Amino acid sequence: MDITAHLLEQTIEIKIVDRGSGIPSEDLERVFDKFYRLQRPNSVAGTGLGLSIVKGIVEAHGGTVSAANQPSVVRLSR
């Protein structure tokens, strides 16, 4: 996991990059819903509240939060 922070004028941008298997695109907006959990075999059980709490804290401070999948990086060498 990588965590970076940048000051952009009056805004702080914090990025958290997870190296996991990603989130199905149809679930990207729902991951911030209370009690929503991805349906994956062999996944660790949880309450589905973590990202909902994050969203609440960020929005209480006037910020926004979003989730996105990163495209695969392809490196070519000669």
Protein backbone atom coordinates (compact mmCIF):
# COMPACT_ATOMS: atom_id res chain seq x y z
CA MET A 1 0.00 0.00 0.00
CA ASP A 2 1.27 3.48 -0.87
CA ILE A 3 0.06 6.67 0.82
CA THR A 4 0.91 10.10 -0.57
CA ALA A 5 -0.23 13.62 0.25
CA HIS A 6 0.09 16.81 -1.80
CA LEU A 7 -0.86 20.40 -1.08
CA LEU A 8 -2.66 21.89 -4.09
CA GLU A 9 -3.36 25.58 -3.34
CA GLN A 10 -6.05 25.41 -0.61
CA THR A 11 -6.61 21.66 -0.97
CA ILE A 12 -4.82 18.63 0.42
CA GLU A 13 -4.99 15.58 -1.82
CA ILE A 14 -4.37 12.27 -0.09
CA LYS A 15 -4.04 9.12 -2.21
CA ILE A 16 -4.09 5.61 -0.85
CA VAL A 17 -3.09 3.01 -3.41
CA ASP A 18 -3.82 -0.61 -2.57
CA ARG A 19 -2.14 -3.34 -4.59
CA GLY A 20 -5.12 -5.69 -4.23
CA SER A 21 -7.18 -7.35 -6.93
CA GLY A 22 -9.29 -4.24 -7.54
CA ILE A 23 -12.98 -3.47 -7.26
CA PRO A 24 -15.49 -4.50 -9.93
CA SER A 25 -16.46 -1.33 -11.80
CA GLU A 26 -20.15 -1.81 -10.93
CA ASP A 27 -19.22 -1.68 -7.22
CA LEU A 28 -17.00 1.44 -7.27
CA GLU A 29 -19.72 3.87 -6.12
CA ARG A 30 -21.30 1.42 -3.69
CA VAL A 31 -18.14 0.75 -1.64
CA PHE A 32 -18.91 3.89 0.38
CA ASP A 33 -22.46 2.75 1.29
CA LYS A 34 -23.06 1.68 4.89
CA PHE A 35 -22.79 -2.09 5.38
CA TYR A 36 -21.79 -2.72 1.74
CA ARG A 37 -19.18 -5.43 1.29
CA LEU A 38 -17.73 -6.87 -1.88
CA GLN A 39 -18.80 -10.43 -2.47
CA ARG A 40 -15.60 -12.40 -2.84
CA PRO A 41 -14.85 -15.98 -1.93
CA ASN A 42 -12.24 -16.40 0.80
CA SER A 43 -12.51 -12.73 1.81
CA VAL A 44 -12.14 -11.53 5.36
CA ALA A 45 -15.45 -10.79 7.02
CA GLY A 46 -16.19 -7.23 8.08
CA THR A 47 -19.08 -4.94 8.87
CA GLY A 48 -18.93 -2.91 5.68
CA LEU A 49 -18.63 0.32 7.64
CA GLY A 50 -14.97 1.28 7.13
CA LEU A 51 -15.22 3.27 3.90
CA SER A 52 -18.59 4.70 4.93
CA ILE A 53 -16.95 6.12 8.07
CA VAL A 54 -14.07 7.51 5.99
CA LYS A 55 -16.55 9.22 3.66
CA GLY A 56 -18.45 10.73 6.59
CA ILE A 57 -15.30 12.15 8.18
CA VAL A 58 -13.97 13.55 4.89
CA GLU A 59 -17.31 15.14 3.95
CA ALA A 60 -17.70 16.62 7.46
CA HIS A 61 -14.49 18.54 6.74
CA GLY A 62 -15.75 19.75 3.35
CA GLY A 63 -13.87 17.18 1.27
CA THR A 64 -14.73 14.50 -1.22
CA VAL A 65 -13.70 10.87 -1.50
CA SER A 66 -13.74 8.51 -4.45
CA ALA A 67 -12.56 5.07 -5.49
CA ALA A 68 -11.02 4.06 -8.81
CA ASN A 69 -9.24 1.10 -10.29
CA GLN A 70 -5.81 1.74 -11.68
CA PRO A 71 -5.13 0.45 -15.19
CA SER A 72 -2.47 -2.20 -15.47
CA VAL A 73 1.00 -0.86 -16.09
CA VAL A 74 2.81 -2.41 -18.99
CA ARG A 75 6.56 -1.96 -19.22
CA LEU A 76 8.45 -2.76 -22.37
CA SER A 77 12.17 -3.25 -22.48
CA ARG A 78 14.57 -3.93 -25.31
